């Protein structure tokens, strides 16, 4: 086999996948609206997750820093639900949750709140979350789950 680095040079344009949206979103003819999901790179997903992670010095009840073996103890906090909403916003191309007109309609200034406004029903939000996470490869697809279940039997 010839060793050639071109096999590792991927296209710069991200893939956009079209998938059926929640059944409560239908067009004039009664057809379910399709969502367009951009496949984000692992570095984009990591960057978003990192932006919702804060690190500070751990303190006791009196506010004094906690020190163990001469080392300051660090406390890491993550806002994983907000990070997940940001990932949804970045991945969804249609509907574009960063669209100024849509944000104005919902009187929203923070894009991470947009998925909650556009998909206010718990079932719709969960379905959109599942769709996006499966397209991005963050959660296994139904086929992958079936294969895993078959292996365990």
N, C-alpha and C. Protein backbone atom coordinates (compact mmCIF):
# COMPACT_ATOMS: atom_id res chain seq x y z
N UNK A 1 0.84 -1.18 0.00
CA UNK A 1 0.00 0.00 0.00
C UNK A 1 0.89 1.24 0.00
N UNK A 2 0.58 2.14 -0.88
CA UNK A 2 1.34 3.38 -1.01
C UNK A 2 1.00 4.32 0.15
N UNK A 3 2.01 4.88 0.77
CA UNK A 3 1.79 5.85 1.84
C UNK A 3 1.66 7.23 1.23
N UNK A 4 0.48 7.80 1.38
CA UNK A 4 0.21 9.11 0.80
C UNK A 4 -0.61 9.91 1.81
N UNK A 5 -0.17 11.10 2.12
CA UNK A 5 -0.87 11.92 3.11
C UNK A 5 -2.17 12.51 2.60
N UNK A 6 -2.43 12.43 1.30
CA UNK A 6 -3.67 13.00 0.77
C UNK A 6 -4.90 12.33 1.36
N UNK A 7 -4.75 11.08 1.85
CA UNK A 7 -5.88 10.39 2.46
C UNK A 7 -6.32 11.05 3.76
N UNK A 8 -5.46 11.85 4.34
CA UNK A 8 -5.75 12.52 5.60
C UNK A 8 -6.09 14.00 5.41
N UNK A 9 -6.18 14.42 4.17
CA UNK A 9 -6.51 15.81 3.88
C UNK A 9 -7.99 15.90 3.52
N UNK A 10 -8.77 16.24 4.53
CA UNK A 10 -10.22 16.30 4.36
C UNK A 10 -10.65 17.62 3.77
N UNK A 11 -11.83 17.60 3.16
CA UNK A 11 -12.39 18.82 2.59
C UNK A 11 -12.62 19.84 3.71
N UNK A 12 -12.42 21.10 3.40
CA UNK A 12 -12.59 22.17 4.39
C UNK A 12 -14.07 22.47 4.64
N UNK A 13 -14.93 22.20 3.66
CA UNK A 13 -16.35 22.49 3.80
C UNK A 13 -17.01 21.44 4.69
N UNK A 14 -17.65 21.84 5.76
CA UNK A 14 -18.32 20.86 6.62
C UNK A 14 -19.56 20.28 5.93
N UNK A 15 -19.83 19.05 6.25
CA UNK A 15 -21.00 18.36 5.70
C UNK A 15 -22.27 18.88 6.37
N UNK A 16 -23.34 19.04 5.59
CA UNK A 16 -24.63 19.43 6.14
C UNK A 16 -25.61 18.29 5.86
N UNK A 17 -26.24 17.79 6.93
CA UNK A 17 -27.14 16.65 6.85
C UNK A 17 -28.57 17.15 7.02
N UNK A 18 -29.48 16.67 6.17
CA UNK A 18 -30.89 17.02 6.26
C UNK A 18 -31.64 15.87 6.94
N UNK A 19 -32.37 16.20 8.00
CA UNK A 19 -33.10 15.19 8.78
C UNK A 19 -34.49 15.72 9.12
N UNK A 20 -35.47 14.82 9.28
CA UNK A 20 -36.80 15.28 9.68
C UNK A 20 -36.77 15.89 11.08
N UNK A 21 -37.48 17.00 11.24
CA UNK A 21 -37.55 17.65 12.54
C UNK A 21 -38.67 17.06 13.38
N UNK A 22 -38.97 17.72 14.50
CA UNK A 22 -40.07 17.26 15.36
C UNK A 22 -41.40 17.28 14.58
N UNK A 23 -42.27 16.34 14.88
CA UNK A 23 -43.54 16.21 14.15
C UNK A 23 -44.49 17.38 14.38
N UNK A 24 -44.24 18.21 15.37
CA UNK A 24 -45.13 19.35 15.62
C UNK A 24 -44.80 20.54 14.71
N UNK A 25 -43.72 20.46 13.95
CA UNK A 25 -43.35 21.52 13.01
C UNK A 25 -43.66 21.05 11.59
N UNK A 26 -44.75 21.58 11.03
CA UNK A 26 -45.18 21.16 9.70
C UNK A 26 -45.38 22.36 8.80
N UNK A 27 -45.20 22.13 7.49
CA UNK A 27 -45.43 23.21 6.53
C UNK A 27 -46.91 23.30 6.19
N UNK A 28 -47.24 24.15 5.22
CA UNK A 28 -48.64 24.39 4.84
C UNK A 28 -49.33 23.13 4.33
N UNK A 29 -48.56 22.20 3.79
CA UNK A 29 -49.14 20.97 3.23
C UNK A 29 -49.16 19.83 4.25
N UNK A 30 -48.73 20.09 5.46
CA UNK A 30 -48.76 19.07 6.51
C UNK A 30 -47.52 18.20 6.57
N UNK A 31 -46.48 18.55 5.80
CA UNK A 31 -45.23 17.78 5.82
C UNK A 31 -44.34 18.26 6.96
N UNK A 32 -43.67 17.31 7.60
CA UNK A 32 -42.75 17.66 8.69
C UNK A 32 -41.59 18.47 8.11
N UNK A 33 -41.28 19.56 8.79
CA UNK A 33 -40.17 20.43 8.38
C UNK A 33 -38.85 19.69 8.59
N UNK A 34 -37.98 19.79 7.61
CA UNK A 34 -36.67 19.15 7.73
C UNK A 34 -35.66 20.12 8.33
N UNK A 35 -34.82 19.60 9.20
CA UNK A 35 -33.75 20.38 9.81
C UNK A 35 -32.47 20.15 9.01
N UNK A 36 -31.64 21.17 8.93
CA UNK A 36 -30.32 21.04 8.32
C UNK A 36 -29.29 21.17 9.43
N UNK A 37 -28.48 20.12 9.59
CA UNK A 37 -27.50 20.06 10.67
C UNK A 37 -26.10 20.01 10.09
N UNK A 38 -25.27 20.98 10.45
CA UNK A 38 -23.87 21.00 10.02
C UNK A 38 -23.07 20.09 10.95
N UNK A 39 -22.27 19.23 10.36
CA UNK A 39 -21.41 18.34 11.14
C UNK A 39 -20.20 19.15 11.62
N UNK A 40 -20.18 19.42 12.92
CA UNK A 40 -19.10 20.20 13.52
C UNK A 40 -17.87 19.33 13.72
N UNK A 41 -16.72 19.93 13.64
CA UNK A 41 -15.48 19.19 13.88
C UNK A 41 -15.33 18.95 15.38
N UNK A 42 -14.50 17.97 15.71
CA UNK A 42 -14.24 17.69 17.12
C UNK A 42 -13.64 18.89 17.82
N UNK A 43 -12.79 19.64 17.12
CA UNK A 43 -12.17 20.82 17.75
C UNK A 43 -13.22 21.90 18.03
N UNK A 44 -14.21 22.05 17.15
CA UNK A 44 -15.29 23.02 17.40
C UNK A 44 -16.11 22.61 18.62
N UNK A 45 -16.44 21.34 18.72
CA UNK A 45 -17.22 20.84 19.85
C UNK A 45 -16.43 21.02 21.14
N UNK A 46 -15.14 20.71 21.10
CA UNK A 46 -14.29 20.87 22.28
C UNK A 46 -14.18 22.33 22.69
N UNK A 47 -14.04 23.23 21.71
CA UNK A 47 -13.94 24.66 21.99
C UNK A 47 -15.22 25.15 22.69
N UNK A 48 -16.37 24.71 22.20
CA UNK A 48 -17.64 25.12 22.82
C UNK A 48 -17.72 24.58 24.24
N UNK A 49 -17.42 23.30 24.43
CA UNK A 49 -17.46 22.72 25.78
C UNK A 49 -16.51 23.43 26.73
N UNK A 50 -15.31 23.74 26.25
CA UNK A 50 -14.32 24.43 27.10
C UNK A 50 -14.77 25.82 27.50
N UNK A 51 -15.54 26.48 26.64
CA UNK A 51 -15.98 27.84 26.97
C UNK A 51 -17.03 27.86 28.09
N UNK A 52 -17.59 26.70 28.43
CA UNK A 52 -18.55 26.62 29.53
C UNK A 52 -17.98 25.86 30.72
N UNK A 53 -16.66 25.90 30.83
CA UNK A 53 -15.96 25.28 31.94
C UNK A 53 -15.18 26.37 32.65
N UNK A 54 -15.39 26.49 33.96
CA UNK A 54 -14.64 27.48 34.73
C UNK A 54 -13.84 26.75 35.81
N UNK A 55 -12.72 27.33 36.12
CA UNK A 55 -11.84 26.74 37.12
C UNK A 55 -11.47 27.82 38.12
N UNK A 56 -11.63 27.50 39.40
CA UNK A 56 -11.27 28.47 40.44
C UNK A 56 -10.70 27.71 41.63
N UNK A 57 -10.06 28.44 42.50
CA UNK A 57 -9.48 27.83 43.70
C UNK A 57 -10.61 27.41 44.64
N UNK A 58 -10.55 26.17 45.09
CA UNK A 58 -11.55 25.67 46.04
C UNK A 58 -11.33 26.32 47.40
N UNK A 59 -12.43 26.67 48.05
CA UNK A 59 -12.33 27.31 49.36
C UNK A 59 -13.18 26.56 50.38
N UNK A 60 -12.82 26.74 51.66
CA UNK A 60 -13.62 26.15 52.73
C UNK A 60 -14.80 27.07 53.06
N UNK A 61 -15.54 26.74 54.11
CA UNK A 61 -16.74 27.51 54.47
C UNK A 61 -16.42 28.95 54.85
N UNK A 62 -15.20 29.21 55.30
CA UNK A 62 -14.81 30.57 55.69
C UNK A 62 -14.20 31.35 54.53
N UNK A 63 -14.07 30.71 53.37
CA UNK A 63 -13.51 31.40 52.21
C UNK A 63 -12.01 31.26 52.06
N UNK A 64 -11.39 30.44 52.91
CA UNK A 64 -9.95 30.21 52.83
C UNK A 64 -9.65 29.16 51.76
N UNK A 65 -8.57 29.34 51.01
CA UNK A 65 -8.21 28.33 49.99
C UNK A 65 -7.92 26.98 50.64
N UNK A 66 -8.33 25.93 49.98
CA UNK A 66 -8.06 24.57 50.45
C UNK A 66 -6.72 24.15 49.88
N UNK A 67 -5.82 23.70 50.79
CA UNK A 67 -4.49 23.27 50.38
C UNK A 67 -4.30 21.83 50.85
N UNK A 68 -3.88 20.95 49.92
CA UNK A 68 -3.61 19.56 50.25
C UNK A 68 -2.20 19.22 49.79
N UNK A 69 -1.39 18.70 50.72
CA UNK A 69 0.01 18.36 50.42
C UNK A 69 0.76 19.54 49.82
N UNK A 70 0.49 20.74 50.29
CA UNK A 70 1.18 21.93 49.83
C UNK A 70 0.70 22.45 48.47
N UNK A 71 -0.34 21.84 47.93
CA UNK A 71 -0.87 22.24 46.62
C UNK A 71 -2.28 22.82 46.80
N UNK A 72 -2.55 23.90 46.09
CA UNK A 72 -3.89 24.48 46.11
C UNK A 72 -4.83 23.56 45.35
N UNK A 73 -6.03 23.35 45.90
CA UNK A 73 -7.03 22.49 45.25
C UNK A 73 -7.88 23.36 44.33
N UNK A 74 -8.05 22.88 43.10
CA UNK A 74 -8.85 23.61 42.12
C UNK A 74 -10.23 22.98 42.00
N UNK A 75 -11.22 23.83 41.80
CA UNK A 75 -12.59 23.39 41.62
C UNK A 75 -13.00 23.71 40.19
N UNK A 76 -13.49 22.70 39.48
CA UNK A 76 -13.92 22.89 38.10
C UNK A 76 -15.44 22.80 38.04
N UNK A 77 -16.05 23.79 37.41
CA UNK A 77 -17.50 23.79 37.22
C UNK A 77 -17.80 23.79 35.74
N UNK A 78 -18.82 23.00 35.37
CA UNK A 78 -19.22 22.91 33.97
C UNK A 78 -20.70 23.24 33.85
N UNK A 79 -21.03 23.99 32.83
CA UNK A 79 -22.43 24.24 32.51
C UNK A 79 -22.74 23.44 31.25
N UNK A 80 -22.90 22.13 31.44
CA UNK A 80 -23.05 21.23 30.29
C UNK A 80 -24.35 21.43 29.54
N UNK A 81 -25.42 21.85 30.21
CA UNK A 81 -26.68 22.07 29.49
C UNK A 81 -26.57 23.30 28.58
N UNK A 82 -25.90 24.32 29.05
CA UNK A 82 -25.70 25.51 28.22
C UNK A 82 -24.75 25.21 27.06
N UNK A 83 -23.72 24.41 27.32
CA UNK A 83 -22.80 24.00 26.26
C UNK A 83 -23.55 23.19 25.19
N UNK A 84 -24.42 22.30 25.62
CA UNK A 84 -25.20 21.50 24.67
C UNK A 84 -26.10 22.39 23.81
N UNK A 85 -26.71 23.40 24.44
CA UNK A 85 -27.56 24.33 23.67
C UNK A 85 -26.72 25.12 22.68
N UNK A 86 -25.51 25.50 23.06
CA UNK A 86 -24.62 26.23 22.15
C UNK A 86 -24.23 25.33 20.97
N UNK A 87 -23.98 24.07 21.24
CA UNK A 87 -23.66 23.11 20.17
C UNK A 87 -24.84 23.00 19.21
N UNK A 88 -26.06 22.96 19.73
CA UNK A 88 -27.26 22.90 18.89
C UNK A 88 -27.32 24.14 18.00
N UNK A 89 -27.09 25.31 18.58
CA UNK A 89 -27.14 26.56 17.82
C UNK A 89 -26.10 26.55 16.70
N UNK A 90 -24.89 26.11 17.00
CA UNK A 90 -23.83 26.10 15.99
C UNK A 90 -24.10 25.07 14.90
N UNK A 91 -24.68 23.95 15.27
CA UNK A 91 -24.90 22.87 14.30
C UNK A 91 -26.11 23.12 13.40
N UNK A 92 -27.19 23.67 13.96
CA UNK A 92 -28.40 23.87 13.16
C UNK A 92 -28.19 24.98 12.13
N UNK A 93 -28.37 24.62 10.87
CA UNK A 93 -28.29 25.59 9.79
C UNK A 93 -29.70 26.05 9.41
N UNK A 94 -30.66 25.12 9.54
CA UNK A 94 -32.06 25.47 9.34
C UNK A 94 -32.86 24.74 10.38
N UNK A 95 -33.53 25.44 11.26
CA UNK A 95 -33.58 26.89 11.34
C UNK A 95 -32.27 27.47 11.89
N UNK A 96 -31.92 28.64 11.40
CA UNK A 96 -30.72 29.34 11.86
C UNK A 96 -31.08 30.07 13.15
N UNK A 97 -30.67 29.49 14.27
CA UNK A 97 -31.02 30.05 15.57
C UNK A 97 -30.26 31.33 15.91
N UNK A 98 -29.29 31.69 15.07
CA UNK A 98 -28.55 32.93 15.26
C UNK A 98 -29.13 34.05 14.40
N UNK A 99 -30.17 33.76 13.64
CA UNK A 99 -30.78 34.76 12.78
C UNK A 99 -31.35 35.90 13.63
N UNK A 100 -30.97 37.13 13.28
CA UNK A 100 -31.37 38.30 14.08
C UNK A 100 -32.89 38.48 14.12
N UNK A 101 -33.56 38.22 13.01
CA UNK A 101 -35.02 38.37 12.96
C UNK A 101 -35.69 37.36 13.90
N UNK A 102 -35.20 36.13 13.88
CA UNK A 102 -35.76 35.10 14.76
C UNK A 102 -35.48 35.42 16.23
N UNK A 103 -34.28 35.89 16.51
CA UNK A 103 -33.94 36.26 17.89
C UNK A 103 -34.79 37.44 18.36
N UNK A 104 -35.03 38.38 17.47
CA UNK A 104 -35.86 39.53 17.82
C UNK A 104 -37.29 39.09 18.09
N UNK A 105 -37.79 38.17 17.27
CA UNK A 105 -39.16 37.65 17.44
C UNK A 105 -39.33 37.05 18.84
N UNK A 106 -38.31 36.32 19.29
CA UNK A 106 -38.39 35.68 20.61
C UNK A 106 -37.86 36.58 21.73
N UNK A 107 -37.49 37.83 21.38
CA UNK A 107 -36.97 38.78 22.36
C UNK A 107 -35.80 38.14 23.13
N UNK A 108 -34.87 37.60 22.38
CA UNK A 108 -33.76 36.84 22.95
C UNK A 108 -32.44 37.49 22.55
N UNK A 109 -31.54 37.67 23.52
CA UNK A 109 -30.24 38.27 23.21
C UNK A 109 -29.10 37.26 23.32
N UNK A 110 -29.33 36.14 23.95
CA UNK A 110 -28.30 35.11 24.12
C UNK A 110 -28.66 33.91 23.24
N UNK A 111 -27.79 33.59 22.29
CA UNK A 111 -28.09 32.49 21.37
C UNK A 111 -28.28 31.16 22.09
N UNK A 112 -27.68 30.99 23.25
CA UNK A 112 -27.84 29.71 23.95
C UNK A 112 -29.24 29.52 24.52
N UNK A 113 -30.03 30.59 24.56
CA UNK A 113 -31.41 30.47 25.00
C UNK A 113 -32.35 30.15 23.84
N UNK A 114 -31.89 30.33 22.61
CA UNK A 114 -32.74 30.15 21.44
C UNK A 114 -33.34 28.76 21.31
N UNK A 115 -32.60 27.67 21.53
CA UNK A 115 -33.24 26.35 21.41
C UNK A 115 -34.43 26.19 22.36
N UNK A 116 -34.36 26.83 23.52
CA UNK A 116 -35.46 26.74 24.49
C UNK A 116 -36.69 27.51 24.02
N UNK A 117 -36.48 28.59 23.26
CA UNK A 117 -37.59 29.38 22.75
C UNK A 117 -38.20 28.77 21.49
N UNK A 118 -37.34 28.34 20.58
CA UNK A 118 -37.82 27.81 19.31
C UNK A 118 -38.46 26.43 19.50
N UNK A 119 -37.94 25.64 20.43
CA UNK A 119 -38.47 24.31 20.71
C UNK A 119 -38.92 24.26 22.17
N UNK A 120 -40.02 24.97 22.52
CA UNK A 120 -40.41 25.09 23.92
C UNK A 120 -40.99 23.81 24.54
N UNK A 121 -41.55 22.92 23.71
CA UNK A 121 -42.09 21.67 24.24
C UNK A 121 -40.93 20.74 24.57
N UNK A 122 -41.01 20.11 25.72
CA UNK A 122 -39.94 19.22 26.16
C UNK A 122 -39.65 18.14 25.13
N UNK A 123 -40.70 17.53 24.57
CA UNK A 123 -40.50 16.47 23.57
C UNK A 123 -39.78 16.99 22.34
N UNK A 124 -40.17 18.17 21.86
CA UNK A 124 -39.53 18.75 20.68
C UNK A 124 -38.06 19.05 20.95
N UNK A 125 -37.79 19.66 22.09
CA UNK A 125 -36.41 20.01 22.45
C UNK A 125 -35.56 18.74 22.56
N UNK A 126 -36.09 17.73 23.24
CA UNK A 126 -35.35 16.47 23.39
C UNK A 126 -35.08 15.83 22.04
N UNK A 127 -36.07 15.86 21.14
CA UNK A 127 -35.90 15.27 19.83
C UNK A 127 -34.83 16.00 19.03
N UNK A 128 -34.86 17.34 19.05
CA UNK A 128 -33.84 18.13 18.34
C UNK A 128 -32.46 17.87 18.94
N UNK A 129 -32.37 17.81 20.26
CA UNK A 129 -31.10 17.53 20.93
C UNK A 129 -30.57 16.17 20.47
N UNK A 130 -31.44 15.16 20.47
CA UNK A 130 -31.05 13.82 20.05
C UNK A 130 -30.57 13.80 18.60
N UNK A 131 -31.32 14.45 17.72
CA UNK A 131 -30.98 14.50 16.30
C UNK A 131 -29.60 15.11 16.11
N UNK A 132 -29.38 16.27 16.70
CA UNK A 132 -28.11 16.98 16.53
C UNK A 132 -26.96 16.14 17.10
N UNK A 133 -27.12 15.59 18.29
CA UNK A 133 -26.04 14.83 18.91
C UNK A 133 -25.72 13.56 18.13
N UNK A 134 -26.73 12.94 17.51
CA UNK A 134 -26.47 11.76 16.68
C UNK A 134 -25.75 12.14 15.40
N UNK A 135 -26.17 13.22 14.75
CA UNK A 135 -25.50 13.66 13.52
C UNK A 135 -24.04 14.00 13.81
N UNK A 136 -23.78 14.61 14.96
CA UNK A 136 -22.41 15.00 15.32
C UNK A 136 -21.57 13.82 15.81
N UNK A 137 -22.22 12.68 16.06
CA UNK A 137 -21.49 11.51 16.54
C UNK A 137 -21.22 11.54 18.03
N UNK A 138 -21.90 12.44 18.74
CA UNK A 138 -21.70 12.54 20.20
C UNK A 138 -22.43 11.40 20.91
N UNK A 139 -23.62 11.05 20.41
CA UNK A 139 -24.36 9.90 20.93
C UNK A 139 -24.50 8.90 19.80
N UNK A 140 -24.61 7.62 20.13
CA UNK A 140 -24.70 6.61 19.08
C UNK A 140 -26.02 6.70 18.30
N UNK A 141 -25.95 6.35 17.03
CA UNK A 141 -27.16 6.30 16.21
C UNK A 141 -27.97 5.07 16.59
N UNK A 142 -29.22 5.00 16.14
CA UNK A 142 -30.07 3.85 16.44
C UNK A 142 -29.43 2.55 15.95
N UNK A 143 -28.82 2.60 14.75
CA UNK A 143 -28.17 1.41 14.19
C UNK A 143 -27.01 0.95 15.07
N UNK A 144 -26.23 1.91 15.57
CA UNK A 144 -25.11 1.57 16.44
C UNK A 144 -25.60 0.97 17.75
N UNK A 145 -26.70 1.50 18.29
CA UNK A 145 -27.26 0.97 19.53
C UNK A 145 -27.77 -0.45 19.32
N UNK A 146 -28.41 -0.72 18.16
CA UNK A 146 -28.92 -2.06 17.85
C UNK A 146 -27.76 -3.05 17.72
N UNK A 147 -26.67 -2.64 17.06
CA UNK A 147 -25.50 -3.51 16.92
C UNK A 147 -24.91 -3.84 18.28
N UNK A 148 -24.81 -2.84 19.14
CA UNK A 148 -24.25 -3.04 20.48
C UNK A 148 -25.13 -3.99 21.29
N UNK A 149 -26.45 -3.83 21.17
CA UNK A 149 -27.39 -4.71 21.89
C UNK A 149 -27.27 -6.15 21.37
N UNK A 150 -27.10 -6.31 20.05
CA UNK A 150 -26.97 -7.64 19.45
C UNK A 150 -25.69 -8.32 19.92
N UNK A 151 -24.62 -7.56 20.10
CA UNK A 151 -23.36 -8.12 20.55
C UNK A 151 -23.46 -8.66 21.97
N UNK A 152 -24.29 -8.01 22.79
CA UNK A 152 -24.42 -8.40 24.20
C UNK A 152 -25.24 -9.67 24.37
N UNK A 153 -26.02 -10.04 23.35
CA UNK A 153 -26.88 -11.22 23.46
C UNK A 153 -26.16 -12.50 23.17
